[in-house]
């Protein structure tokens, strides 16, 4: 029997590679290993200026992914804003996140939305459209309970949290505790790793903090000189 055809949908910021990009590629690999005919559809995305947000959402809404090479595409899997704007009868979202600057980050230093009539209107439009587009999904999953709670709070929709395994899950083994704490993340301000660095100013030696980017082996180590 011919394998079911699945497309994983990715909204990718040029020159940025992080957890969402790793997840979408790992998902394609897992589907192929499970006997599915799977591929990745990636469209560039930028969120500045804010006027571009609706244009990027419209791109996903306009494309037709129901067929490819005159064969049906059985399922599409959107991952993050605005991939779930796509039109497909079997749209099953595995939501990494929405445009968080319009959600819980609004009103914080991590959002560029201001309390102006224009920004308030755009934020409402985004949330209303998200609710409509996510309501179309035949299945709605998220990568964490926090994301599910956000969807329920702002969009009034129930989404099941489906946790993905770490990329190196097969290589992880229990071991002895060391003299460090490890934080692996993309190095940007919204990840708030600066809070961990500031906290370590109050941690006695010899405990140290090791920061590593999720897709590289590079690490930076911070050690308190003690008091």
C-alpha atoms as a PDB file:
ATOM      1  CA  UNK A   1       0.000   0.000   0.000  1.00  0.00           C
ATOM      2  CA  UNK A   2       1.273   3.475  -0.882  1.00  0.00           C
ATOM      3  CA  UNK A   3       2.448   5.411   2.161  1.00  0.00           C
ATOM      4  CA  UNK A   4       0.260   8.279   3.267  1.00  0.00           C
ATOM      5  CA  UNK A   5       1.625  11.641   2.190  1.00  0.00           C
ATOM      6  CA  UNK A   6       2.291  14.204   4.904  1.00  0.00           C
ATOM      7  CA  UNK A   7       3.637  17.748   4.728  1.00  0.00           C
ATOM      8  CA  UNK A   8       5.195  19.455   7.752  1.00  0.00           C
ATOM      9  CA  UNK A   9       4.810  23.232   7.534  1.00  0.00           C
ATOM     10  CA  UNK A  10       7.520  25.583   8.741  1.00  0.00           C
ATOM     11  CA  UNK A  11       7.673  29.366   9.051  1.00  0.00           C
ATOM     12  CA  UNK A  12      11.384  30.054   9.027  1.00  0.00           C
ATOM     13  CA  UNK A  13      13.203  33.289   9.842  1.00  0.00           C
ATOM     14  CA  UNK A  14      16.248  33.518   7.526  1.00  0.00           C
ATOM     15  CA  UNK A  15      19.593  32.983   9.270  1.00  0.00           C
ATOM     16  CA  UNK A  16      17.887  31.728  12.453  1.00  0.00           C
ATOM     17  CA  UNK A  17      17.994  28.081  13.435  1.00  0.00           C
ATOM     18  CA  UNK A  18      16.600  26.966  16.762  1.00  0.00           C
ATOM     19  CA  UNK A  19      14.267  24.528  18.447  1.00  0.00           C
ATOM     20  CA  UNK A  20      11.363  25.002  16.032  1.00  0.00           C
ATOM     21  CA  UNK A  21      13.554  24.295  13.006  1.00  0.00           C
ATOM     22  CA  UNK A  22      15.030  21.223  14.660  1.00  0.00           C
ATOM     23  CA  UNK A  23      11.554  19.982  15.630  1.00  0.00           C
ATOM     24  CA  UNK A  24      10.128  20.263  12.109  1.00  0.00           C
ATOM     25  CA  UNK A  25      13.063  18.403  10.559  1.00  0.00           C
ATOM     26  CA  UNK A  26      13.062  15.725  13.222  1.00  0.00           C
ATOM     27  CA  UNK A  27       9.334  15.265  12.667  1.00  0.00           C
ATOM     28  CA  UNK A  28       9.841  14.752   8.935  1.00  0.00           C
ATOM     29  CA  UNK A  29      12.539  12.177   9.707  1.00  0.00           C
ATOM     30  CA  UNK A  30      10.324  10.347  12.207  1.00  0.00           C
ATOM     31  CA  UNK A  31       7.423  10.220   9.735  1.00  0.00           C
ATOM     32  CA  UNK A  32       9.658   8.807   7.027  1.00  0.00           C
ATOM     33  CA  UNK A  33      11.021   6.221   9.445  1.00  0.00           C
ATOM     34  CA  UNK A  34       7.413   5.256  10.220  1.00  0.00           C
ATOM     35  CA  UNK A  35       6.699   4.531   6.568  1.00  0.00           C
ATOM     36  CA  UNK A  36       5.072   7.811   5.588  1.00  0.00           C
ATOM     37  CA  UNK A  37       5.972   9.836   2.526  1.00  0.00           C
ATOM     38  CA  UNK A  38       6.836  13.097   4.250  1.00  0.00           C
ATOM     39  CA  UNK A  39       8.372  16.395   3.262  1.00  0.00           C
ATOM     40  CA  UNK A  40       8.944  19.883   4.646  1.00  0.00           C
ATOM     41  CA  UNK A  41       7.344  23.054   3.270  1.00  0.00           C
ATOM     42  CA  UNK A  42       9.189  26.155   4.489  1.00  0.00           C
ATOM     43  CA  UNK A  43       8.314  29.787   3.738  1.00  0.00           C
ATOM     44  CA  UNK A  44      10.432  32.725   4.964  1.00  0.00           C
ATOM     45  CA  UNK A  45       8.931  34.875   7.705  1.00  0.00           C
ATOM     46  CA  UNK A  46       9.655  38.235   9.281  1.00  0.00           C
ATOM     47  CA  UNK A  47       7.707  40.121  11.928  1.00  0.00           C
ATOM     48  CA  UNK A  48       9.135  43.594  11.365  1.00  0.00           C
ATOM     49  CA  UNK A  49       7.600  45.927  10.390  1.00  0.00           C
ATOM     50  CA  UNK A  50       4.389  44.737  12.031  1.00  0.00           C
ATOM     51  CA  UNK A  51       2.432  45.608   8.881  1.00  0.00           C
ATOM     52  CA  UNK A  52       4.111  42.564   7.286  1.00  0.00           C
ATOM     53  CA  UNK A  53       2.412  40.126   9.688  1.00  0.00           C
ATOM     54  CA  UNK A  54      -0.856  39.998   7.779  1.00  0.00           C
ATOM     55  CA  UNK A  55       0.956  39.679   4.445  1.00  0.00           C
ATOM     56  CA  UNK A  56       2.896  36.646   5.661  1.00  0.00           C
ATOM     57  CA  UNK A  57      -0.290  35.109   7.048  1.00  0.00           C
ATOM     58  CA  UNK A  58      -2.015  35.704   3.703  1.00  0.00           C
ATOM     59  CA  UNK A  59       0.744  33.800   1.861  1.00  0.00           C
ATOM     60  CA  UNK A  60      -0.071  30.642   3.812  1.00  0.00           C
ATOM     61  CA  UNK A  61      -3.796  31.167   3.339  1.00  0.00           C
ATOM     62  CA  UNK A  62      -3.444  31.512  -0.440  1.00  0.00           C
ATOM     63  CA  UNK A  63      -1.367  28.409  -1.190  1.00  0.00           C
ATOM     64  CA  UNK A  64      -3.100  25.122  -1.968  1.00  0.00           C
ATOM     65  CA  UNK A  65      -1.391  22.058  -0.489  1.00  0.00           C
ATOM     66  CA  UNK A  66      -4.169  19.566  -1.090  1.00  0.00           C
ATOM     67  CA  UNK A  67      -2.243  17.987  -3.975  1.00  0.00           C
ATOM     68  CA  UNK A  68       1.345  17.708  -5.176  1.00  0.00           C
ATOM     69  CA  UNK A  69       2.400  16.213  -8.520  1.00  0.00           C
ATOM     70  CA  UNK A  70      -1.255  15.316  -9.147  1.00  0.00           C
ATOM     71  CA  UNK A  71      -1.410  13.167  -6.025  1.00  0.00           C
ATOM     72  CA  UNK A  72      -3.321  13.930  -2.848  1.00  0.00           C
ATOM     73  CA  UNK A  73      -1.567  15.249   0.238  1.00  0.00           C
ATOM     74  CA  UNK A  74      -3.323  13.399   3.034  1.00  0.00           C
ATOM     75  CA  UNK A  75      -2.311  15.508   6.035  1.00  0.00           C
ATOM     76  CA  UNK A  76      -0.567  18.813   6.704  1.00  0.00           C
ATOM     77  CA  UNK A  77       1.051  19.577  10.064  1.00  0.00           C
ATOM     78  CA  UNK A  78       1.398  23.304  10.829  1.00  0.00           C
ATOM     79  CA  UNK A  79       3.885  24.152  13.571  1.00  0.00           C
ATOM     80  CA  UNK A  80       3.854  27.871  14.372  1.00  0.00           C
ATOM     81  CA  UNK A  81       2.423  31.199  13.267  1.00  0.00           C
ATOM     82  CA  UNK A  82       1.348  31.655  10.531  1.00  0.00           C
ATOM     83  CA  UNK A  83       1.590  28.124   9.063  1.00  0.00           C
ATOM     84  CA  UNK A  84      -1.819  27.161  10.481  1.00  0.00           C
ATOM     85  CA  UNK A  85      -3.472  29.682   8.142  1.00  0.00           C
ATOM     86  CA  UNK A  86      -3.083  27.091   5.361  1.00  0.00           C
ATOM     87  CA  UNK A  87      -6.227  25.621   3.817  1.00  0.00           C
ATOM     88  CA  UNK A  88      -6.476  21.837   3.989  1.00  0.00           C
ATOM     89  CA  UNK A  89      -9.255  19.418   4.980  1.00  0.00           C
ATOM     90  CA  UNK A  90      -6.875  17.421   7.189  1.00  0.00           C
ATOM     91  CA  UNK A  91      -4.953  20.119   9.010  1.00  0.00           C
ATOM     92  CA  UNK A  92      -3.478  18.722  12.233  1.00  0.00           C
ATOM     93  CA  UNK A  93      -1.510  21.365  14.107  1.00  0.00           C
ATOM     94  CA  UNK A  94       1.409  20.630  16.429  1.00  0.00           C
ATOM     95  CA  UNK A  95       1.721  24.154  17.732  1.00  0.00           C
ATOM     96  CA  UNK A  96       5.140  25.405  18.794  1.00  0.00           C
ATOM     97  CA  UNK A  97       3.857  28.924  19.405  1.00  0.00           C
ATOM     98  CA  UNK A  98       1.743  31.734  18.043  1.00  0.00           C
ATOM     99  CA  UNK A  99       3.011  35.290  17.520  1.00  0.00           C
ATOM    100  CA  UNK A 100       3.743  35.727  21.194  1.00  0.00           C
ATOM    101  CA  UNK A 101       4.364  39.477  20.974  1.00  0.00           C
ATOM    102  CA  UNK A 102       0.604  39.824  20.496  1.00  0.00           C
ATOM    103  CA  UNK A 103      -0.173  37.428  23.340  1.00  0.00           C
ATOM    104  CA  UNK A 104       1.293  37.137  26.827  1.00  0.00           C
ATOM    105  CA  UNK A 105       4.436  39.113  25.948  1.00  0.00           C
ATOM    106  CA  UNK A 106       2.362  42.197  25.098  1.00  0.00           C
ATOM    107  CA  UNK A 107       3.112  44.936  27.611  1.00  0.00           C
ATOM    108  CA  UNK A 108       6.581  43.556  28.392  1.00  0.00           C
ATOM    109  CA  UNK A 109      10.022  44.555  27.051  1.00  0.00           C
ATOM    110  CA  UNK A 110       9.846  41.483  24.779  1.00  0.00           C
ATOM    111  CA  UNK A 111       6.972  42.830  22.655  1.00  0.00           C
ATOM    112  CA  UNK A 112       6.936  45.657  20.116  1.00  0.00           C
ATOM    113  CA  UNK A 113       3.178  46.160  20.474  1.00  0.00           C
ATOM    114  CA  UNK A 114       2.288  49.506  22.067  1.00  0.00           C
ATOM    115  CA  UNK A 115      -0.953  50.665  23.676  1.00  0.00           C
ATOM    116  CA  UNK A 116      -2.006  52.603  20.591  1.00  0.00           C
ATOM    117  CA  UNK A 117      -5.240  52.329  18.649  1.00  0.00           C
ATOM    118  CA  UNK A 118      -3.374  50.806  15.713  1.00  0.00           C
ATOM    119  CA  UNK A 119      -1.519  48.177  17.749  1.00  0.00           C
ATOM    120  CA  UNK A 120      -4.557  47.270  19.846  1.00  0.00           C
ATOM    121  CA  UNK A 121      -6.544  46.732  16.640  1.00  0.00           C
ATOM    122  CA  UNK A 122      -3.807  44.630  15.046  1.00  0.00           C
ATOM    123  CA  UNK A 123      -3.457  42.496  18.172  1.00  0.00           C
ATOM    124  CA  UNK A 124      -7.214  41.855  18.269  1.00  0.00           C
ATOM    125  CA  UNK A 125      -7.204  40.989  14.568  1.00  0.00           C
ATOM    126  CA  UNK A 126      -4.344  38.518  15.053  1.00  0.00           C
ATOM    127  CA  UNK A 127      -6.002  36.771  17.997  1.00  0.00           C
ATOM    128  CA  UNK A 128      -9.376  36.594  16.232  1.00  0.00           C
ATOM    129  CA  UNK A 129      -7.792  35.155  13.079  1.00  0.00           C
ATOM    130  CA  UNK A 130      -5.740  32.662  15.104  1.00  0.00           C
ATOM    131  CA  UNK A 131      -8.920  31.456  16.758  1.00  0.00           C
ATOM    132  CA  UNK A 132     -10.600  30.982  13.390  1.00  0.00           C
ATOM    133  CA  UNK A 133      -7.640  29.247  11.732  1.00  0.00           C
ATOM    134  CA  UNK A 134      -6.915  26.935  14.656  1.00  0.00           C
ATOM    135  CA  UNK A 135     -10.621  26.071  14.878  1.00  0.00           C
ATOM    136  CA  UNK A 136     -10.342  24.617  11.381  1.00  0.00           C
ATOM    137  CA  UNK A 137      -7.851  21.995  12.551  1.00  0.00           C
ATOM    138  CA  UNK A 138      -8.950  18.364  12.533  1.00  0.00           C
ATOM    139  CA  UNK A 139      -6.531  17.893  15.433  1.00  0.00           C
ATOM    140  CA  UNK A 140      -4.920  20.480  17.704  1.00  0.00           C
ATOM    141  CA  UNK A 141      -1.803  19.624  19.674  1.00  0.00           C
ATOM    142  CA  UNK A 142       0.922  21.745  21.278  1.00  0.00           C
ATOM    143  CA  UNK A 143       4.477  21.075  22.409  1.00  0.00           C
ATOM    144  CA  UNK A 144       3.757  21.859  26.085  1.00  0.00           C
ATOM    145  CA  UNK A 145       1.041  22.456  28.664  1.00  0.00           C
ATOM    146  CA  UNK A 146       2.076  26.125  28.774  1.00  0.00           C
ATOM    147  CA  UNK A 147       1.275  26.517  25.080  1.00  0.00           C
ATOM    148  CA  UNK A 148      -2.035  24.665  25.536  1.00  0.00           C
ATOM    149  CA  UNK A 149      -2.944  26.989  28.405  1.00  0.00           C
ATOM    150  CA  UNK A 150      -2.189  30.018  26.231  1.00  0.00           C
ATOM    151  CA  UNK A 151      -4.440  28.723  23.447  1.00  0.00           C
ATOM    152  CA  UNK A 152      -7.261  28.081  25.902  1.00  0.00           C
ATOM    153  CA  UNK A 153      -6.888  31.447  27.612  1.00  0.00           C
ATOM    154  CA  UNK A 154      -6.740  33.656  24.523  1.00  0.00           C
ATOM    155  CA  UNK A 155      -8.502  31.587  21.846  1.00  0.00           C
ATOM    156  CA  UNK A 156     -10.952  29.526  23.887  1.00  0.00           C
ATOM    157  CA  UNK A 157      -9.731  26.279  22.293  1.00  0.00           C
ATOM    158  CA  UNK A 158      -8.643  23.011  23.872  1.00  0.00           C
ATOM    159  CA  UNK A 159      -5.319  21.644  22.691  1.00  0.00           C
ATOM    160  CA  UNK A 160      -3.580  18.481  23.859  1.00  0.00           C
ATOM    161  CA  UNK A 161       0.048  18.833  24.950  1.00  0.00           C
ATOM    162  CA  UNK A 162       2.236  16.383  23.060  1.00  0.00           C
ATOM    163  CA  UNK A 163       5.815  16.567  24.263  1.00  0.00           C
ATOM    164  CA  UNK A 164       8.566  15.886  21.752  1.00  0.00           C
ATOM    165  CA  UNK A 165      11.724  13.992  22.742  1.00  0.00           C
ATOM    166  CA  UNK A 166      15.033  15.891  22.849  1.00  0.00           C
ATOM    167  CA  UNK A 167      17.045  15.594  19.660  1.00  0.00           C
ATOM    168  CA  UNK A 168      19.698  13.526  21.455  1.00  0.00           C
ATOM    169  CA  UNK A 169      17.238  11.520  23.563  1.00  0.00           C
ATOM    170  CA  UNK A 170      18.742   8.194  22.501  1.00  0.00           C
ATOM    171  CA  UNK A 171      22.173   9.281  23.742  1.00  0.00           C
ATOM    172  CA  UNK A 172      21.094  10.624  27.142  1.00  0.00           C
ATOM    173  CA  UNK A 173      22.276   8.533  30.089  1.00  0.00           C
ATOM    174  CA  UNK A 174      22.053   8.996  33.829  1.00  0.00           C
ATOM    175  CA  UNK A 175      25.310  10.116  35.383  1.00  0.00           C
ATOM    176  CA  UNK A 176      26.884  11.694  38.415  1.00  0.00           C
ATOM    177  CA  UNK A 177      26.042  15.240  39.441  1.00  0.00           C
ATOM    178  CA  UNK A 178      28.763  17.745  38.608  1.00  0.00           C
ATOM    179  CA  UNK A 179      29.697  21.230  39.742  1.00  0.00           C
ATOM    180  CA  UNK A 180      27.649  23.035  37.102  1.00  0.00           C
ATOM    181  CA  UNK A 181      24.128  23.839  35.954  1.00  0.00           C
ATOM    182  CA  UNK A 182      23.437  23.599  32.214  1.00  0.00           C
ATOM    183  CA  UNK A 183      21.003  25.760  30.240  1.00  0.00           C
ATOM    184  CA  UNK A 184      20.614  24.988  26.543  1.00  0.00           C
ATOM    185  CA  UNK A 185      18.812  27.594  24.463  1.00  0.00           C
ATOM    186  CA  UNK A 186      19.078  29.962  21.530  1.00  0.00           C
ATOM    187  CA  UNK A 187      20.955  33.011  22.790  1.00  0.00           C
ATOM    188  CA  UNK A 188      18.499  35.882  22.554  1.00  0.00           C
ATOM    189  CA  UNK A 189      16.858  38.169  25.088  1.00  0.00           C
ATOM    190  CA  UNK A 190      13.377  36.627  25.020  1.00  0.00           C
ATOM    191  CA  UNK A 191      14.865  33.370  26.371  1.00  0.00           C
ATOM    192  CA  UNK A 192      15.858  35.371  29.473  1.00  0.00           C
ATOM    193  CA  UNK A 193      19.130  33.590  30.077  1.00  0.00           C
ATOM    194  CA  UNK A 194      20.367  36.883  31.510  1.00  0.00           C
ATOM    195  CA  UNK A 195      18.326  36.057  34.618  1.00  0.00           C
ATOM    196  CA  UNK A 196      20.358  32.901  35.157  1.00  0.00           C
ATOM    197  CA  UNK A 197      23.613  34.800  34.674  1.00  0.00           C
ATOM    198  CA  UNK A 198      22.547  37.478  37.166  1.00  0.00           C
ATOM    199  CA  UNK A 199      21.463  34.823  39.658  1.00  0.00           C
ATOM    200  CA  UNK A 200      24.888  33.205  39.569  1.00  0.00           C
ATOM    201  CA  UNK A 201      26.378  36.370  41.017  1.00  0.00           C
ATOM    202  CA  UNK A 202      24.839  35.131  44.279  1.00  0.00           C
ATOM    203  CA  UNK A 203      25.812  31.461  43.978  1.00  0.00           C
ATOM    204  CA  UNK A 204      28.895  30.369  45.940  1.00  0.00           C
ATOM    205  CA  UNK A 205      31.860  28.797  44.184  1.00  0.00           C
ATOM    206  CA  UNK A 206      32.667  26.243  42.835  1.00  0.00           C
ATOM    207  CA  UNK A 207      29.209  25.934  41.232  1.00  0.00           C
ATOM    208  CA  UNK A 208      29.201  27.307  37.668  1.00  0.00           C
ATOM    209  CA  UNK A 209      26.689  27.957  34.916  1.00  0.00           C
ATOM    210  CA  UNK A 210      27.191  26.520  31.433  1.00  0.00           C
ATOM    211  CA  UNK A 211      25.174  27.979  28.562  1.00  0.00           C
ATOM    212  CA  UNK A 212      24.949  26.178  25.243  1.00  0.00           C
ATOM    213  CA  UNK A 213      23.108  26.868  22.024  1.00  0.00           C
ATOM    214  CA  UNK A 214      20.766  24.026  21.163  1.00  0.00           C
ATOM    215  CA  UNK A 215      22.122  23.310  17.678  1.00  0.00           C
ATOM    216  CA  UNK A 216      25.850  23.697  18.333  1.00  0.00           C
ATOM    217  CA  UNK A 217      28.419  22.272  20.724  1.00  0.00           C
ATOM    218  CA  UNK A 218      29.658  25.704  21.752  1.00  0.00           C
ATOM    219  CA  UNK A 219      29.236  26.608  25.414  1.00  0.00           C
ATOM    220  CA  UNK A 220      29.976  29.626  27.553  1.00  0.00           C
ATOM    221  CA  UNK A 221      30.819  29.074  31.205  1.00  0.00           C
ATOM    222  CA  UNK A 222      30.213  31.575  33.996  1.00  0.00           C
ATOM    223  CA  UNK A 223      31.850  31.011  37.350  1.00  0.00           C
ATOM    224  CA  UNK A 224      31.284  33.075  40.457  1.00  0.00           C
ATOM    225  CA  UNK A 225      34.576  34.005  42.108  1.00  0.00           C
ATOM    226  CA  UNK A 226      33.044  33.410  45.501  1.00  0.00           C
ATOM    227  CA  UNK A 227      32.436  35.715  48.425  1.00  0.00           C
END
